[in-house]
Amino acid sequence: MDIAEVAKLTGVPASALRFYEKKGLIRSVGRDGARRRFAPDVVDHLALIALGQSVGLSLDEIRSMLSPGGEPNIDRQLLVAKADAIDAQVKRLQAISLGLRHAAACPAPSHAECPSFRKLLKAAAKGAFDKRWGVMRRSK
């Protein structure tokens, strides 16, 4: 497939394909005039790159998990670390969501008088939402 076909099929711009090739993430198999040609399995390699990027892997991390032949050589410890980071982010976002819902429905006359809202402000000021926010209940 030439570079235009790959770009059209995958939605990855030709400029990104050239960049990925330069970074060693994909390989062209030759040229047809000035156009690069790729083997059909480049589509799978691009899918792996997209998957890696979607979980926050850098292009260098993704490249390190591809063998010289392009086959996956997965760093399982790195994947576990990324999964743990995602889990922690989900917990923080759930705590923030609960805090926002509480603030929106808080029966206190003023948010400044609401103990839960004050805790939320204190946690935000510290830059961290810890486990105690994971048990905050919505007010009715």
C-alpha atoms as a PDB file:
ATOM      1  CA  MET A   1       0.000   0.000   0.000  1.00  0.00           C
ATOM      2  CA  ASP A   2       1.278   3.459  -0.688  1.00  0.00           C
ATOM      3  CA  ILE A   3       1.353   6.135   1.980  1.00  0.00           C
ATOM      4  CA  ALA A   4      -1.839   7.808   0.708  1.00  0.00           C
ATOM      5  CA  GLU A   5      -3.742   4.513   0.941  1.00  0.00           C
ATOM      6  CA  VAL A   6      -2.511   3.910   4.485  1.00  0.00           C
ATOM      7  CA  ALA A   7      -3.455   7.458   5.482  1.00  0.00           C
ATOM      8  CA  LYS A   8      -6.937   7.107   3.981  1.00  0.00           C
ATOM      9  CA  LEU A   9      -7.523   3.655   5.464  1.00  0.00           C
ATOM     10  CA  THR A  10      -6.331   4.484   8.986  1.00  0.00           C
ATOM     11  CA  GLY A  11      -7.050   8.191   9.291  1.00  0.00           C
ATOM     12  CA  VAL A  12      -3.406   8.763  10.253  1.00  0.00           C
ATOM     13  CA  PRO A  13      -2.025  11.713   8.255  1.00  0.00           C
ATOM     14  CA  ALA A  14       0.854  11.019   5.881  1.00  0.00           C
ATOM     15  CA  SER A  15       3.000  13.447   7.886  1.00  0.00           C
ATOM     16  CA  ALA A  16       2.442  11.322  11.016  1.00  0.00           C
ATOM     17  CA  LEU A  17       3.300   8.167   9.055  1.00  0.00           C
ATOM     18  CA  ARG A  18       6.576   9.726   7.957  1.00  0.00           C
ATOM     19  CA  PHE A  19       7.245  10.818  11.547  1.00  0.00           C
ATOM     20  CA  TYR A  20       6.482   7.324  12.901  1.00  0.00           C
ATOM     21  CA  GLU A  21       8.847   5.857  10.336  1.00  0.00           C
ATOM     22  CA  LYS A  22      11.580   8.302  11.338  1.00  0.00           C
ATOM     23  CA  LYS A  23      11.040   7.362  15.024  1.00  0.00           C
ATOM     24  CA  GLY A  24      11.332   3.648  14.166  1.00  0.00           C
ATOM     25  CA  LEU A  25       7.732   2.758  14.968  1.00  0.00           C
ATOM     26  CA  ILE A  26       6.844   1.569  11.457  1.00  0.00           C
ATOM     27  CA  ARG A  27       8.866   0.627   8.377  1.00  0.00           C
ATOM     28  CA  SER A  28       8.213   1.267   4.751  1.00  0.00           C
ATOM     29  CA  VAL A  29       9.006  -1.617   2.415  1.00  0.00           C
ATOM     30  CA  GLY A  30      10.115   0.535  -0.475  1.00  0.00           C
ATOM     31  CA  ARG A  31       9.131   3.395  -2.721  1.00  0.00           C
ATOM     32  CA  ASP A  32       6.988   3.846  -5.757  1.00  0.00           C
ATOM     33  CA  GLY A  33       8.602   6.949  -7.169  1.00  0.00           C
ATOM     34  CA  ALA A  34       8.555   9.455  -4.330  1.00  0.00           C
ATOM     35  CA  ARG A  35       5.812   7.644  -2.382  1.00  0.00           C
ATOM     36  CA  ARG A  36       6.587   5.293   0.446  1.00  0.00           C
ATOM     37  CA  ARG A  37       5.036   1.828   0.324  1.00  0.00           C
ATOM     38  CA  PHE A  38       4.008  -0.157   3.378  1.00  0.00           C
ATOM     39  CA  ALA A  39       3.148  -3.798   3.988  1.00  0.00           C
ATOM     40  CA  PRO A  40      -0.484  -4.476   4.937  1.00  0.00           C
ATOM     41  CA  ASP A  41       0.528  -5.213   8.545  1.00  0.00           C
ATOM     42  CA  VAL A  42       1.312  -1.507   9.030  1.00  0.00           C
ATOM     43  CA  VAL A  43      -2.387  -1.113   9.859  1.00  0.00           C
ATOM     44  CA  ASP A  44      -1.915  -3.380  12.893  1.00  0.00           C
ATOM     45  CA  HIS A  45       1.227  -1.487  13.917  1.00  0.00           C
ATOM     46  CA  LEU A  46      -0.673   1.798  13.725  1.00  0.00           C
ATOM     47  CA  ALA A  47      -3.448   0.283  15.845  1.00  0.00           C
ATOM     48  CA  LEU A  48      -0.839  -0.693  18.464  1.00  0.00           C
ATOM     49  CA  ILE A  49       0.565   2.840  18.406  1.00  0.00           C
ATOM     50  CA  ALA A  50      -2.928   4.308  18.849  1.00  0.00           C
ATOM     51  CA  LEU A  51      -3.666   1.901  21.711  1.00  0.00           C
ATOM     52  CA  GLY A  52      -0.402   2.774  23.421  1.00  0.00           C
ATOM     53  CA  GLN A  53      -1.013   6.492  23.066  1.00  0.00           C
ATOM     54  CA  SER A  54      -4.573   6.137  24.378  1.00  0.00           C
ATOM     55  CA  VAL A  55      -3.235   4.766  27.667  1.00  0.00           C
ATOM     56  CA  GLY A  56      -0.585   7.449  27.959  1.00  0.00           C
ATOM     57  CA  LEU A  57       2.486   5.676  26.636  1.00  0.00           C
ATOM     58  CA  SER A  58       5.055   7.869  24.947  1.00  0.00           C
ATOM     59  CA  LEU A  59       6.202   7.048  21.431  1.00  0.00           C
ATOM     60  CA  ASP A  60       9.569   5.998  22.875  1.00  0.00           C
ATOM     61  CA  GLU A  61       7.826   3.608  25.282  1.00  0.00           C
ATOM     62  CA  ILE A  62       5.753   2.202  22.420  1.00  0.00           C
ATOM     63  CA  ARG A  63       8.850   1.779  20.239  1.00  0.00           C
ATOM     64  CA  SER A  64      10.609  -0.077  23.046  1.00  0.00           C
ATOM     65  CA  MET A  65       7.782  -2.613  22.974  1.00  0.00           C
ATOM     66  CA  LEU A  66       8.194  -3.366  19.273  1.00  0.00           C
ATOM     67  CA  SER A  67      10.851  -5.819  18.151  1.00  0.00           C
ATOM     68  CA  PRO A  68      13.018  -4.885  15.146  1.00  0.00           C
ATOM     69  CA  GLY A  69      10.604  -6.910  13.002  1.00  0.00           C
ATOM     70  CA  GLY A  70       7.675  -4.915  14.349  1.00  0.00           C
ATOM     71  CA  GLU A  71       6.236  -7.696  16.509  1.00  0.00           C
ATOM     72  CA  PRO A  72       4.980  -6.700  19.963  1.00  0.00           C
ATOM     73  CA  ASN A  73       7.440  -7.239  22.816  1.00  0.00           C
ATOM     74  CA  ILE A  74       5.264  -6.041  25.667  1.00  0.00           C
ATOM     75  CA  ASP A  75       6.806  -4.640  28.840  1.00  0.00           C
ATOM     76  CA  ARG A  76       4.326  -6.104  31.317  1.00  0.00           C
ATOM     77  CA  GLN A  77       5.673  -4.119  34.279  1.00  0.00           C
ATOM     78  CA  LEU A  78       5.189  -0.868  32.384  1.00  0.00           C
ATOM     79  CA  LEU A  79       1.613  -1.870  31.529  1.00  0.00           C
ATOM     80  CA  VAL A  80       0.861  -2.685  35.172  1.00  0.00           C
ATOM     81  CA  ALA A  81       2.304   0.686  36.223  1.00  0.00           C
ATOM     82  CA  LYS A  82       0.154   2.479  33.623  1.00  0.00           C
ATOM     83  CA  ALA A  83      -2.935   0.537  34.738  1.00  0.00           C
ATOM     84  CA  ASP A  84      -2.233   1.484  38.364  1.00  0.00           C
ATOM     85  CA  ALA A  85      -1.867   5.147  37.375  1.00  0.00           C
ATOM     86  CA  ILE A  86      -5.162   5.003  35.462  1.00  0.00           C
ATOM     87  CA  ASP A  87      -6.888   3.380  38.461  1.00  0.00           C
ATOM     88  CA  ALA A  88      -5.576   6.135  40.735  1.00  0.00           C
ATOM     89  CA  GLN A  89      -6.755   8.798  38.289  1.00  0.00           C
ATOM     90  CA  VAL A  90     -10.212   7.199  38.108  1.00  0.00           C
ATOM     91  CA  LYS A  91     -10.450   7.249  41.918  1.00  0.00           C
ATOM     92  CA  ARG A  92      -9.416  10.923  42.019  1.00  0.00           C
ATOM     93  CA  LEU A  93     -11.943  11.818  39.334  1.00  0.00           C
ATOM     94  CA  GLN A  94     -14.708   9.891  41.121  1.00  0.00           C
ATOM     95  CA  ALA A  95     -13.903  11.744  44.329  1.00  0.00           C
ATOM     96  CA  ILE A  96     -13.986  15.063  42.501  1.00  0.00           C
ATOM     97  CA  SER A  97     -17.302  14.141  40.894  1.00  0.00           C
ATOM     98  CA  LEU A  98     -18.803  13.245  44.266  1.00  0.00           C
ATOM     99  CA  GLY A  99     -17.517  16.497  45.723  1.00  0.00           C
ATOM    100  CA  LEU A 100     -19.055  18.504  42.899  1.00  0.00           C
ATOM    101  CA  ARG A 101     -22.380  16.701  43.227  1.00  0.00           C
ATOM    102  CA  HIS A 102     -22.358  17.326  46.957  1.00  0.00           C
ATOM    103  CA  ALA A 103     -21.589  21.010  46.446  1.00  0.00           C
ATOM    104  CA  ALA A 104     -24.411  21.283  43.905  1.00  0.00           C
ATOM    105  CA  ALA A 105     -26.963  19.699  46.250  1.00  0.00           C
ATOM    106  CA  CYS A 106     -25.597  20.805  49.641  1.00  0.00           C
ATOM    107  CA  PRO A 107     -28.432  21.852  51.973  1.00  0.00           C
ATOM    108  CA  ALA A 108     -26.221  24.243  53.971  1.00  0.00           C
ATOM    109  CA  PRO A 109     -27.275  27.885  53.663  1.00  0.00           C
ATOM    110  CA  SER A 110     -23.777  28.728  52.396  1.00  0.00           C
ATOM    111  CA  HIS A 111     -21.074  26.516  50.986  1.00  0.00           C
ATOM    112  CA  ALA A 112     -18.696  28.218  53.384  1.00  0.00           C
ATOM    113  CA  GLU A 113     -20.705  26.617  56.226  1.00  0.00           C
ATOM    114  CA  CYS A 114     -20.700  23.102  54.742  1.00  0.00           C
ATOM    115  CA  PRO A 115     -18.106  20.854  56.437  1.00  0.00           C
ATOM    116  CA  SER A 116     -17.897  18.555  53.398  1.00  0.00           C
ATOM    117  CA  PHE A 117     -17.381  21.478  51.034  1.00  0.00           C
ATOM    118  CA  ARG A 118     -14.695  22.898  53.366  1.00  0.00           C
ATOM    119  CA  LYS A 119     -12.893  19.522  53.238  1.00  0.00           C
ATOM    120  CA  LEU A 120     -13.131  19.585  49.444  1.00  0.00           C
ATOM    121  CA  LEU A 121     -11.568  23.066  49.375  1.00  0.00           C
ATOM    122  CA  LYS A 122      -8.805  21.999  51.752  1.00  0.00           C
ATOM    123  CA  ALA A 123      -8.024  18.926  49.633  1.00  0.00           C
ATOM    124  CA  ALA A 124      -8.009  21.024  46.458  1.00  0.00           C
ATOM    125  CA  ALA A 125      -5.671  23.542  48.083  1.00  0.00           C
ATOM    126  CA  LYS A 126      -3.249  20.715  48.877  1.00  0.00           C
ATOM    127  CA  GLY A 127      -3.509  19.574  45.271  1.00  0.00           C
ATOM    128  CA  ALA A 128      -4.611  16.069  46.158  1.00  0.00           C
ATOM    129  CA  PHE A 129      -7.859  14.243  46.700  1.00  0.00           C
ATOM    130  CA  ASP A 130      -7.113  11.370  49.011  1.00  0.00           C
ATOM    131  CA  LYS A 131      -9.030   8.241  49.969  1.00  0.00           C
ATOM    132  CA  ARG A 132     -11.282   9.972  52.496  1.00  0.00           C
ATOM    133  CA  TRP A 133     -13.104  11.631  49.580  1.00  0.00           C
ATOM    134  CA  GLY A 134     -13.876   8.234  48.109  1.00  0.00           C
ATOM    135  CA  VAL A 135     -16.321   7.623  50.966  1.00  0.00           C
ATOM    136  CA  MET A 136     -18.115  10.967  50.762  1.00  0.00           C
ATOM    137  CA  ARG A 137     -21.837  10.473  50.323  1.00  0.00           C
ATOM    138  CA  ARG A 138     -24.197  12.551  48.262  1.00  0.00           C
ATOM    139  CA  SER A 139     -26.607  14.649  50.287  1.00  0.00           C
ATOM    140  CA  LYS A 140     -30.310  14.246  49.566  1.00  0.00           C
END
